């Protein structure tokens, strides 16, 4: 797959933005790749990179940071990358096992946007459900029924539903939400 950055080397134009993601089970990578494709189809130039590559953000007009939920926050790799960013227009997209309209998801979005706002200009946060690591599901099954994360029929149903995501509707919603974040940011300042 030829990245937009590689495509832009042919034209000499730098990418407009940077899409960085952290992914454990493939959910967030799935969204990042869909957003990148959607942007390319819309003529929005962006470099796509996993957080492990520690891409240099200098010159980016905006950054989208993808993460997976871990105990009410973004995962450690995404948070480490975020710590190194200052003065950027920064949007978020993430995946979680909980329903995206749940109180847990709303708290996650608020926490992550507050972390962005410490040193950057937040552009928004898109969340969708994603399949839960099977090892975690098995661990929850071994917990006592009265444990806060003990598996019951309601939780098992949520895990089964999460296994279906992200789906085509989630990918389309992510593209639309991230496109709106970028469009709304066009007048804001940034560290370019």
N, C-alpha and C. Protein backbone atom coordinates (compact mmCIF):
# COMPACT_ATOMS: atom_id res chain seq x y z
N UNK A 1 0.85 -1.18 0.00
CA UNK A 1 0.00 0.00 0.00
C UNK A 1 0.89 1.24 0.00
N UNK A 2 0.64 2.10 -0.92
CA UNK A 2 1.42 3.34 -1.04
C UNK A 2 0.81 4.40 -0.14
N UNK A 3 1.56 4.93 0.79
CA UNK A 3 1.02 5.94 1.70
C UNK A 3 0.87 7.27 0.97
N UNK A 4 0.02 8.12 1.52
CA UNK A 4 -0.16 9.43 0.94
C UNK A 4 1.14 10.21 0.95
N UNK A 5 1.96 9.98 1.99
CA UNK A 5 3.24 10.67 2.04
C UNK A 5 4.09 10.27 0.84
N UNK A 6 4.11 8.97 0.52
CA UNK A 6 4.87 8.51 -0.64
C UNK A 6 4.30 9.09 -1.92
N UNK A 7 2.95 9.15 -2.02
CA UNK A 7 2.33 9.73 -3.20
C UNK A 7 2.71 11.20 -3.34
N UNK A 8 2.77 11.91 -2.23
CA UNK A 8 3.10 13.33 -2.26
C UNK A 8 4.55 13.58 -2.62
N UNK A 9 5.42 12.59 -2.40
CA UNK A 9 6.82 12.75 -2.80
C UNK A 9 6.91 12.92 -4.32
N UNK A 10 5.95 12.31 -5.02
CA UNK A 10 5.92 12.42 -6.47
C UNK A 10 5.57 13.84 -6.91
N UNK A 11 4.69 14.50 -6.16
CA UNK A 11 4.25 15.85 -6.51
C UNK A 11 5.06 16.92 -5.80
N UNK A 12 5.82 16.53 -4.78
CA UNK A 12 6.61 17.49 -4.01
C UNK A 12 5.81 18.20 -2.94
N UNK A 13 4.54 17.84 -2.77
CA UNK A 13 3.71 18.49 -1.76
C UNK A 13 3.73 17.68 -0.47
N UNK A 14 3.91 18.36 0.67
CA UNK A 14 3.88 17.63 1.94
C UNK A 14 2.44 17.26 2.28
N UNK A 15 2.24 16.21 3.08
CA UNK A 15 0.89 15.88 3.51
C UNK A 15 0.31 17.02 4.34
N UNK A 16 -0.99 17.21 4.26
CA UNK A 16 -1.67 18.23 5.06
C UNK A 16 -1.69 17.83 6.53
N UNK A 17 -1.87 16.54 6.76
CA UNK A 17 -2.04 16.09 8.13
C UNK A 17 -1.40 14.76 8.41
N UNK A 18 -1.59 14.30 9.62
CA UNK A 18 -0.97 13.09 10.11
C UNK A 18 -2.02 12.26 10.84
N UNK A 19 -2.16 11.01 10.44
CA UNK A 19 -3.05 10.06 11.12
C UNK A 19 -2.14 9.03 11.79
N UNK A 20 -2.15 9.02 13.10
CA UNK A 20 -1.32 8.11 13.89
C UNK A 20 -2.26 7.23 14.70
N UNK A 21 -1.95 5.95 14.79
CA UNK A 21 -2.85 5.07 15.52
C UNK A 21 -2.08 4.03 16.32
N UNK A 22 -2.72 3.60 17.41
CA UNK A 22 -2.25 2.48 18.20
C UNK A 22 -3.34 1.42 18.13
N UNK A 23 -2.97 0.18 17.90
CA UNK A 23 -3.96 -0.88 17.76
C UNK A 23 -3.43 -2.17 18.36
N UNK A 24 -4.26 -2.82 19.15
CA UNK A 24 -3.86 -4.10 19.76
C UNK A 24 -4.49 -5.28 19.01
N UNK A 25 -5.78 -5.18 18.72
CA UNK A 25 -6.49 -6.29 18.08
C UNK A 25 -6.82 -6.01 16.61
N UNK A 26 -6.43 -4.83 16.11
CA UNK A 26 -6.70 -4.49 14.72
C UNK A 26 -7.86 -3.54 14.54
N UNK A 27 -8.65 -3.30 15.58
CA UNK A 27 -9.82 -2.43 15.47
C UNK A 27 -9.44 -1.00 15.07
N UNK A 28 -8.52 -0.42 15.80
CA UNK A 28 -8.16 0.98 15.56
C UNK A 28 -7.39 1.12 14.25
N UNK A 29 -6.57 0.15 13.92
CA UNK A 29 -5.90 0.16 12.62
C UNK A 29 -6.93 0.13 11.49
N UNK A 30 -7.97 -0.68 11.66
CA UNK A 30 -9.06 -0.78 10.68
C UNK A 30 -9.67 0.60 10.45
N UNK A 31 -9.97 1.32 11.52
CA UNK A 31 -10.54 2.67 11.39
C UNK A 31 -9.55 3.63 10.75
N UNK A 32 -8.29 3.58 11.20
CA UNK A 32 -7.27 4.50 10.67
C UNK A 32 -7.11 4.33 9.16
N UNK A 33 -7.07 3.09 8.71
CA UNK A 33 -6.92 2.83 7.27
C UNK A 33 -8.14 3.30 6.50
N UNK A 34 -9.32 3.13 7.08
CA UNK A 34 -10.55 3.60 6.42
C UNK A 34 -10.57 5.12 6.33
N UNK A 35 -10.18 5.79 7.41
CA UNK A 35 -10.13 7.26 7.41
C UNK A 35 -9.14 7.73 6.36
N UNK A 36 -7.98 7.10 6.32
CA UNK A 36 -6.94 7.46 5.35
C UNK A 36 -7.46 7.30 3.91
N UNK A 37 -8.11 6.17 3.62
CA UNK A 37 -8.69 5.95 2.28
C UNK A 37 -9.77 6.98 1.97
N UNK A 38 -10.64 7.23 2.95
CA UNK A 38 -11.70 8.21 2.76
C UNK A 38 -11.16 9.61 2.49
N UNK A 39 -10.12 9.97 3.22
CA UNK A 39 -9.48 11.27 3.00
C UNK A 39 -8.87 11.33 1.60
N UNK A 40 -8.17 10.27 1.20
CA UNK A 40 -7.54 10.25 -0.13
C UNK A 40 -8.59 10.43 -1.22
N UNK A 41 -9.73 9.74 -1.06
CA UNK A 41 -10.81 9.87 -2.04
C UNK A 41 -11.37 11.29 -2.08
N UNK A 42 -11.31 12.00 -0.95
CA UNK A 42 -11.82 13.36 -0.86
C UNK A 42 -10.75 14.40 -1.18
N UNK A 43 -9.54 13.95 -1.51
CA UNK A 43 -8.46 14.87 -1.83
C UNK A 43 -7.78 15.48 -0.62
N UNK A 44 -7.96 14.86 0.55
CA UNK A 44 -7.31 15.33 1.78
C UNK A 44 -6.03 14.53 1.95
N UNK A 45 -4.91 15.21 1.96
CA UNK A 45 -3.60 14.57 2.04
C UNK A 45 -3.22 14.31 3.49
N UNK A 46 -2.82 13.07 3.77
CA UNK A 46 -2.42 12.72 5.13
C UNK A 46 -1.42 11.58 5.11
N UNK A 47 -0.48 11.64 6.03
CA UNK A 47 0.43 10.52 6.27
C UNK A 47 -0.25 9.60 7.26
N UNK A 48 -0.16 8.31 7.05
CA UNK A 48 -0.72 7.30 7.95
C UNK A 48 0.44 6.52 8.57
N UNK A 49 0.44 6.40 9.91
CA UNK A 49 1.54 5.68 10.55
C UNK A 49 1.09 5.08 11.87
N UNK A 50 1.55 3.87 12.17
CA UNK A 50 1.32 3.32 13.51
C UNK A 50 2.17 4.09 14.52
N UNK A 51 1.68 4.18 15.73
CA UNK A 51 2.36 4.96 16.76
C UNK A 51 3.76 4.42 17.04
N UNK A 52 3.98 3.13 16.80
CA UNK A 52 5.29 2.54 17.04
C UNK A 52 6.37 3.17 16.16
N UNK A 53 5.98 3.74 15.03
CA UNK A 53 6.95 4.40 14.16
C UNK A 53 7.31 5.80 14.65
N UNK A 54 6.60 6.29 15.67
CA UNK A 54 6.84 7.61 16.24
C UNK A 54 6.99 8.67 15.14
N UNK A 55 5.97 8.83 14.29
CA UNK A 55 6.09 9.77 13.17
C UNK A 55 6.30 11.21 13.63
N UNK A 56 7.13 11.92 12.90
CA UNK A 56 7.43 13.31 13.21
C UNK A 56 6.22 14.17 12.81
N UNK A 57 5.63 14.89 13.76
CA UNK A 57 4.45 15.68 13.44
C UNK A 57 4.76 17.07 12.87
N UNK A 58 6.03 17.46 12.89
CA UNK A 58 6.38 18.81 12.44
C UNK A 58 5.89 19.06 11.02
N UNK A 59 5.22 20.15 10.84
CA UNK A 59 4.70 20.51 9.54
C UNK A 59 3.28 20.07 9.30
N UNK A 60 2.73 19.24 10.17
CA UNK A 60 1.35 18.77 10.00
C UNK A 60 0.38 19.90 10.36
N UNK A 61 -0.59 20.13 9.49
CA UNK A 61 -1.61 21.14 9.76
C UNK A 61 -2.57 20.65 10.85
N UNK A 62 -2.69 19.35 10.97
CA UNK A 62 -3.55 18.72 11.98
C UNK A 62 -3.08 17.29 12.19
N UNK A 63 -3.49 16.74 13.32
CA UNK A 63 -3.17 15.35 13.66
C UNK A 63 -4.44 14.65 14.12
N UNK A 64 -4.63 13.43 13.65
CA UNK A 64 -5.67 12.55 14.19
C UNK A 64 -4.95 11.41 14.90
N UNK A 65 -5.30 11.20 16.16
CA UNK A 65 -4.66 10.16 16.96
C UNK A 65 -5.68 9.08 17.29
N UNK A 66 -5.40 7.86 16.85
CA UNK A 66 -6.28 6.73 17.13
C UNK A 66 -5.77 5.92 18.30
N UNK A 67 -6.69 5.46 19.13
CA UNK A 67 -6.34 4.72 20.33
C UNK A 67 -7.39 3.66 20.61
N UNK A 68 -7.06 2.74 21.47
CA UNK A 68 -8.04 1.78 21.98
C UNK A 68 -8.19 2.03 23.48
N UNK A 69 -9.40 1.81 23.97
CA UNK A 69 -9.70 2.11 25.36
C UNK A 69 -9.06 1.09 26.30
N UNK A 70 -8.47 1.61 27.35
CA UNK A 70 -7.84 0.79 28.36
C UNK A 70 -8.09 1.42 29.72
N UNK A 71 -9.03 0.86 30.46
CA UNK A 71 -9.35 1.32 31.82
C UNK A 71 -9.76 2.79 31.86
N UNK A 72 -10.63 3.17 30.93
CA UNK A 72 -11.19 4.52 30.96
C UNK A 72 -10.32 5.59 30.33
N UNK A 73 -9.22 5.19 29.70
CA UNK A 73 -8.32 6.13 29.03
C UNK A 73 -7.87 5.51 27.72
N UNK A 74 -7.11 6.26 26.96
CA UNK A 74 -6.48 5.69 25.79
C UNK A 74 -5.37 4.75 26.23
N UNK A 75 -4.94 3.88 25.33
CA UNK A 75 -3.88 2.93 25.66
C UNK A 75 -2.55 3.66 25.87
N UNK A 76 -1.62 2.98 26.52
CA UNK A 76 -0.35 3.58 26.92
C UNK A 76 0.46 4.11 25.74
N UNK A 77 0.49 3.39 24.62
CA UNK A 77 1.28 3.85 23.47
C UNK A 77 0.72 5.15 22.89
N UNK A 78 -0.60 5.23 22.78
CA UNK A 78 -1.21 6.46 22.27
C UNK A 78 -0.98 7.61 23.24
N UNK A 79 -1.10 7.34 24.54
CA UNK A 79 -0.88 8.40 25.53
C UNK A 79 0.57 8.88 25.52
N UNK A 80 1.51 7.97 25.35
CA UNK A 80 2.92 8.36 25.28
C UNK A 80 3.17 9.28 24.08
N UNK A 81 2.58 8.94 22.94
CA UNK A 81 2.75 9.78 21.75
C UNK A 81 2.11 11.16 21.99
N UNK A 82 0.93 11.16 22.60
CA UNK A 82 0.23 12.41 22.89
C UNK A 82 1.07 13.32 23.78
N UNK A 83 1.76 12.76 24.75
CA UNK A 83 2.59 13.55 25.67
C UNK A 83 3.64 14.38 24.93
N UNK A 84 4.09 13.91 23.79
CA UNK A 84 5.12 14.61 23.02
C UNK A 84 4.57 15.67 22.08
N UNK A 85 3.27 15.87 22.06
CA UNK A 85 2.67 16.83 21.14
C UNK A 85 2.29 18.11 21.87
N UNK A 86 2.57 19.24 21.25
CA UNK A 86 2.23 20.52 21.84
C UNK A 86 1.96 21.53 20.73
N UNK A 87 0.83 22.24 20.84
CA UNK A 87 0.51 23.30 19.90
C UNK A 87 -0.15 22.84 18.60
N UNK A 88 -0.61 21.60 18.55
CA UNK A 88 -1.24 21.07 17.34
C UNK A 88 -2.76 21.09 17.43
N UNK A 89 -3.39 21.10 16.27
CA UNK A 89 -4.84 20.85 16.18
C UNK A 89 -4.95 19.33 16.13
N UNK A 90 -5.62 18.77 17.12
CA UNK A 90 -5.58 17.33 17.31
C UNK A 90 -6.96 16.74 17.54
N UNK A 91 -7.35 15.84 16.65
CA UNK A 91 -8.59 15.10 16.79
C UNK A 91 -8.30 13.67 17.22
N UNK A 92 -9.31 13.04 17.76
CA UNK A 92 -9.17 11.69 18.28
C UNK A 92 -10.18 10.74 17.64
N UNK A 93 -9.77 9.49 17.48
CA UNK A 93 -10.71 8.44 17.14
C UNK A 93 -10.29 7.21 17.92
N UNK A 94 -11.25 6.45 18.39
CA UNK A 94 -10.90 5.31 19.22
C UNK A 94 -11.93 4.22 19.18
N UNK A 95 -11.51 3.07 19.68
CA UNK A 95 -12.38 1.90 19.77
C UNK A 95 -12.43 1.43 21.22
N UNK A 96 -13.57 0.85 21.57
CA UNK A 96 -13.74 0.34 22.93
C UNK A 96 -14.74 -0.80 22.89
N UNK A 97 -14.71 -1.64 23.90
CA UNK A 97 -15.63 -2.76 23.98
C UNK A 97 -17.03 -2.34 24.37
N UNK A 98 -17.15 -1.25 25.10
CA UNK A 98 -18.45 -0.75 25.54
C UNK A 98 -19.21 -0.12 24.37
N UNK A 99 -20.48 0.07 24.57
CA UNK A 99 -21.28 0.73 23.54
C UNK A 99 -20.83 2.19 23.42
N UNK A 100 -20.76 2.73 22.21
CA UNK A 100 -20.24 4.09 22.03
C UNK A 100 -21.13 5.20 22.61
N UNK A 101 -22.37 4.88 22.94
CA UNK A 101 -23.25 5.88 23.55
C UNK A 101 -23.39 5.67 25.06
N UNK A 102 -22.55 4.81 25.63
CA UNK A 102 -22.61 4.52 27.06
C UNK A 102 -21.95 5.61 27.89
N UNK A 103 -22.24 5.60 29.18
CA UNK A 103 -21.59 6.54 30.10
C UNK A 103 -20.07 6.31 30.10
N UNK A 104 -19.65 5.06 29.98
CA UNK A 104 -18.22 4.74 29.93
C UNK A 104 -17.56 5.42 28.73
N UNK A 105 -18.21 5.34 27.57
CA UNK A 105 -17.66 5.95 26.36
C UNK A 105 -17.62 7.47 26.48
N UNK A 106 -18.66 8.05 27.03
CA UNK A 106 -18.69 9.51 27.21
C UNK A 106 -17.59 9.97 28.15
N UNK A 107 -17.37 9.21 29.21
CA UNK A 107 -16.28 9.54 30.13
C UNK A 107 -14.92 9.41 29.47
N UNK A 108 -14.75 8.38 28.66
CA UNK A 108 -13.50 8.18 27.92
C UNK A 108 -13.24 9.36 26.99
N UNK A 109 -14.26 9.77 26.24
CA UNK A 109 -14.09 10.90 25.31
C UNK A 109 -13.73 12.17 26.06
N UNK A 110 -14.38 12.41 27.19
CA UNK A 110 -14.08 13.61 27.98
C UNK A 110 -12.65 13.57 28.52
N UNK A 111 -12.24 12.42 29.04
CA UNK A 111 -10.89 12.27 29.58
C UNK A 111 -9.85 12.51 28.51
N UNK A 112 -10.05 11.90 27.35
CA UNK A 112 -9.06 12.03 26.28
C UNK A 112 -9.01 13.46 25.73
N UNK A 113 -10.16 14.09 25.58
CA UNK A 113 -10.15 15.47 25.07
C UNK A 113 -9.52 16.43 26.09
N UNK A 114 -9.71 16.15 27.37
CA UNK A 114 -9.06 16.97 28.39
C UNK A 114 -7.54 16.82 28.31
N UNK A 115 -7.06 15.62 28.05
CA UNK A 115 -5.61 15.40 27.91
C UNK A 115 -5.08 16.14 26.67
N UNK A 116 -5.83 16.11 25.59
CA UNK A 116 -5.43 16.84 24.38
C UNK A 116 -5.36 18.33 24.68
N UNK A 117 -6.36 18.85 25.39
CA UNK A 117 -6.47 20.29 25.65
C UNK A 117 -5.36 20.83 26.55
N UNK A 118 -4.63 19.94 27.24
CA UNK A 118 -3.54 20.41 28.09
C UNK A 118 -2.47 21.14 27.29
N UNK A 119 -2.20 20.68 26.06
CA UNK A 119 -1.12 21.29 25.28
C UNK A 119 -1.47 21.49 23.80
N UNK A 120 -2.68 21.13 23.42
CA UNK A 120 -3.07 21.18 22.01
C UNK A 120 -4.49 21.71 21.88
N UNK A 121 -4.93 21.95 20.66
CA UNK A 121 -6.30 22.37 20.38
C UNK A 121 -7.12 21.14 20.00
N UNK A 122 -8.08 20.75 20.86
CA UNK A 122 -8.88 19.57 20.55
C UNK A 122 -9.85 19.82 19.39
N UNK A 123 -9.95 18.85 18.49
CA UNK A 123 -10.86 18.95 17.36
C UNK A 123 -12.10 18.10 17.52
N UNK A 124 -12.10 17.21 18.49
CA UNK A 124 -13.23 16.32 18.70
C UNK A 124 -12.76 14.90 18.92
N UNK A 125 -13.73 14.02 19.16
CA UNK A 125 -13.42 12.62 19.45
C UNK A 125 -14.51 11.74 18.87
N UNK A 126 -14.13 10.78 18.06
CA UNK A 126 -15.05 9.78 17.52
C UNK A 126 -14.74 8.45 18.18
N UNK A 127 -15.76 7.77 18.68
CA UNK A 127 -15.60 6.45 19.28
C UNK A 127 -16.56 5.46 18.64
N UNK A 128 -16.09 4.25 18.46
CA UNK A 128 -16.99 3.18 18.05
C UNK A 128 -16.61 1.91 18.78
N UNK A 129 -17.55 0.99 18.81
CA UNK A 129 -17.30 -0.28 19.45
C UNK A 129 -16.32 -1.09 18.61
N UNK A 130 -15.54 -1.92 19.28
CA UNK A 130 -14.61 -2.80 18.60
C UNK A 130 -14.53 -4.12 19.35
N UNK A 131 -14.13 -5.13 18.62
CA UNK A 131 -14.04 -6.45 19.25
C UNK A 131 -13.08 -6.41 20.43
N UNK A 132 -13.45 -7.14 21.44
CA UNK A 132 -12.68 -7.18 22.68
C UNK A 132 -11.66 -8.32 22.57
N UNK A 133 -10.48 -8.06 23.05
CA UNK A 133 -9.43 -9.07 23.05
C UNK A 133 -9.99 -10.35 23.67
N UNK A 134 -9.97 -11.48 22.95
CA UNK A 134 -10.52 -12.73 23.48
C UNK A 134 -9.90 -13.15 24.81
N UNK A 135 -8.64 -12.83 25.03
CA UNK A 135 -8.00 -13.17 26.31
C UNK A 135 -8.66 -12.42 27.46
N UNK A 136 -9.09 -11.19 27.20
CA UNK A 136 -9.77 -10.40 28.23
C UNK A 136 -11.14 -10.99 28.52
N UNK A 137 -11.85 -11.38 27.47
CA UNK A 137 -13.16 -12.02 27.66
C UNK A 137 -13.01 -13.27 28.52
N UNK A 138 -12.01 -14.08 28.22
CA UNK A 138 -11.78 -15.30 29.01
C UNK A 138 -11.45 -14.98 30.46
N UNK A 139 -10.66 -13.92 30.66
CA UNK A 139 -10.32 -13.53 32.03
C UNK A 139 -11.57 -13.09 32.79
N UNK A 140 -12.44 -12.34 32.12
CA UNK A 140 -13.69 -11.91 32.76
C UNK A 140 -14.58 -13.11 33.11
N UNK A 141 -14.55 -14.13 32.27
CA UNK A 141 -15.36 -15.34 32.53
C UNK A 141 -14.89 -16.04 33.80
N UNK A 142 -13.62 -15.90 34.14
CA UNK A 142 -13.08 -16.60 35.32
C UNK A 142 -13.33 -15.83 36.62
N UNK A 143 -13.82 -14.60 36.52
CA UNK A 143 -14.07 -13.79 37.73
C UNK A 143 -15.37 -14.22 38.40
N UNK A 144 -15.45 -14.03 39.71
CA UNK A 144 -16.70 -14.36 40.42
C UNK A 144 -17.86 -13.49 39.91
N UNK A 145 -19.05 -14.02 39.99
CA UNK A 145 -20.24 -13.32 39.48
C UNK A 145 -20.44 -11.97 40.15
N UNK A 146 -20.02 -11.81 41.41
CA UNK A 146 -20.24 -10.54 42.10
C UNK A 146 -19.12 -9.52 41.85
N UNK A 147 -18.09 -9.91 41.06
CA UNK A 147 -17.01 -8.98 40.71
C UNK A 147 -17.55 -7.95 39.71
N UNK A 148 -17.09 -6.67 39.79
CA UNK A 148 -17.59 -5.64 38.87
C UNK A 148 -17.42 -5.99 37.38
N UNK A 149 -16.44 -6.82 37.05
CA UNK A 149 -16.23 -7.22 35.66
C UNK A 149 -16.57 -8.69 35.41
N UNK A 150 -17.19 -9.33 36.42
CA UNK A 150 -17.58 -10.72 36.25
C UNK A 150 -18.55 -10.86 35.09
N UNK A 151 -18.45 -11.95 34.37
CA UNK A 151 -19.25 -12.14 33.16
C UNK A 151 -20.66 -12.58 33.53
N UNK A 152 -21.63 -11.87 33.00
CA UNK A 152 -23.02 -12.27 33.11
C UNK A 152 -23.61 -12.24 31.69
N UNK A 153 -24.86 -12.55 31.54
CA UNK A 153 -25.45 -12.63 30.19
C UNK A 153 -25.43 -11.27 29.49
N UNK A 154 -25.68 -10.20 30.22
CA UNK A 154 -25.66 -8.85 29.61
C UNK A 154 -24.26 -8.50 29.09
N UNK A 155 -23.25 -8.77 29.89
CA UNK A 155 -21.88 -8.50 29.46
C UNK A 155 -21.47 -9.40 28.29
N UNK A 156 -21.89 -10.65 28.36
CA UNK A 156 -21.56 -11.57 27.26
C UNK A 156 -22.20 -11.09 25.96
N UNK A 157 -23.42 -10.58 26.04
CA UNK A 157 -24.09 -10.05 24.85
C UNK A 157 -23.31 -8.85 24.30
N UNK A 158 -22.81 -7.99 25.17
CA UNK A 158 -22.01 -6.84 24.72
C UNK A 158 -20.73 -7.31 24.04
N UNK A 159 -20.10 -8.33 24.58
CA UNK A 159 -18.89 -8.88 23.96
C UNK A 159 -19.20 -9.47 22.59
N UNK A 160 -20.34 -10.16 22.47
CA UNK A 160 -20.73 -10.72 21.17
C UNK A 160 -21.01 -9.60 20.16
N UNK A 161 -21.67 -8.55 20.61
CA UNK A 161 -21.96 -7.40 19.72
C UNK A 161 -20.66 -6.70 19.33
N UNK A 162 -19.77 -6.52 20.28
CA UNK A 162 -18.49 -5.85 20.00
C UNK A 162 -17.69 -6.60 18.94
N UNK A 163 -17.81 -7.92 18.90
CA UNK A 163 -17.07 -8.74 17.94
C UNK A 163 -17.45 -8.42 16.50
N UNK A 164 -18.57 -7.75 16.28
CA UNK A 164 -19.04 -7.39 14.94
C UNK A 164 -18.47 -6.05 14.46
N UNK A 165 -17.68 -5.39 15.29
CA UNK A 165 -17.25 -4.03 15.00
C UNK A 165 -15.72 -3.92 14.97
N UNK A 166 -15.19 -2.90 14.31
CA UNK A 166 -15.89 -1.90 13.50
C UNK A 166 -16.41 -2.52 12.20
N UNK A 167 -17.59 -2.06 11.80
CA UNK A 167 -18.20 -2.53 10.57
C UNK A 167 -18.24 -1.39 9.55
N UNK A 168 -18.87 -1.63 8.41
CA UNK A 168 -18.90 -0.60 7.36
C UNK A 168 -19.53 0.71 7.85
N UNK A 169 -20.59 0.59 8.64
CA UNK A 169 -21.25 1.80 9.16
C UNK A 169 -20.31 2.57 10.09
N UNK A 170 -19.56 1.84 10.92
CA UNK A 170 -18.59 2.48 11.82
C UNK A 170 -17.50 3.20 11.02
N UNK A 171 -17.00 2.53 9.98
CA UNK A 171 -15.95 3.14 9.16
C UNK A 171 -16.46 4.40 8.46
N UNK A 172 -17.67 4.34 7.93
CA UNK A 172 -18.25 5.52 7.27
C UNK A 172 -18.45 6.66 8.28
N UNK A 173 -18.92 6.32 9.47
CA UNK A 173 -19.11 7.33 10.51
C UNK A 173 -17.78 7.94 10.95
N UNK A 174 -16.74 7.12 11.02
CA UNK A 174 -15.41 7.62 11.40
C UNK A 174 -14.89 8.59 10.35
N UNK A 175 -15.05 8.24 9.08
CA UNK A 175 -14.60 9.12 8.00
C UNK A 175 -15.35 10.45 8.08
N UNK A 176 -16.67 10.39 8.24
CA UNK A 176 -17.48 11.62 8.31
C UNK A 176 -17.09 12.47 9.52
N UNK A 177 -16.94 11.84 10.68
CA UNK A 177 -16.60 12.59 11.89
C UNK A 177 -15.22 13.23 11.78
N UNK A 178 -14.26 12.49 11.27
CA UNK A 178 -12.89 13.02 11.17
C UNK A 178 -12.80 14.09 10.08
N UNK A 179 -13.56 13.93 9.00
CA UNK A 179 -13.61 14.96 7.96
C UNK A 179 -14.18 16.25 8.55
N UNK A 180 -15.21 16.13 9.36
CA UNK A 180 -15.80 17.32 10.01
C UNK A 180 -14.80 17.96 10.98
N UNK A 181 -14.04 17.15 11.70
CA UNK A 181 -13.03 17.70 12.62
C UNK A 181 -12.02 18.53 11.84
N UNK A 182 -11.55 18.01 10.71
CA UNK A 182 -10.53 18.67 9.90
C UNK A 182 -11.12 19.95 9.30
N UNK A 183 -12.35 19.88 8.79
CA UNK A 183 -12.98 21.05 8.18
C UNK A 183 -13.17 22.15 9.21
N UNK A 184 -13.58 21.78 10.42
CA UNK A 184 -13.80 22.78 11.47
C UNK A 184 -12.50 23.40 11.95
N UNK A 185 -11.40 22.68 11.77
CA UNK A 185 -10.11 23.16 12.28
C UNK A 185 -9.42 24.13 11.31
N UNK A 186 -9.93 24.28 10.12
CA UNK A 186 -9.20 25.02 9.10
C UNK A 186 -8.90 26.46 9.48
N UNK A 187 -9.67 27.02 10.38
CA UNK A 187 -9.40 28.40 10.78
C UNK A 187 -8.60 28.51 12.07
N UNK A 188 -8.38 27.38 12.77
CA UNK A 188 -7.68 27.40 14.06
C UNK A 188 -6.18 27.44 13.86
N UNK A 189 -5.46 27.85 14.87
CA UNK A 189 -4.00 27.89 14.81
C UNK A 189 -3.41 26.52 14.99
N UNK A 190 -2.14 26.36 14.73
CA UNK A 190 -1.48 25.07 14.89
C UNK A 190 0.02 25.23 14.81
N UNK A 191 0.70 24.16 15.12
CA UNK A 191 2.17 24.18 15.11
C UNK A 191 2.67 23.66 13.78
N UNK A 192 2.50 24.32 12.74
CA UNK A 192 2.91 23.80 11.44
C UNK A 192 4.30 24.16 11.18
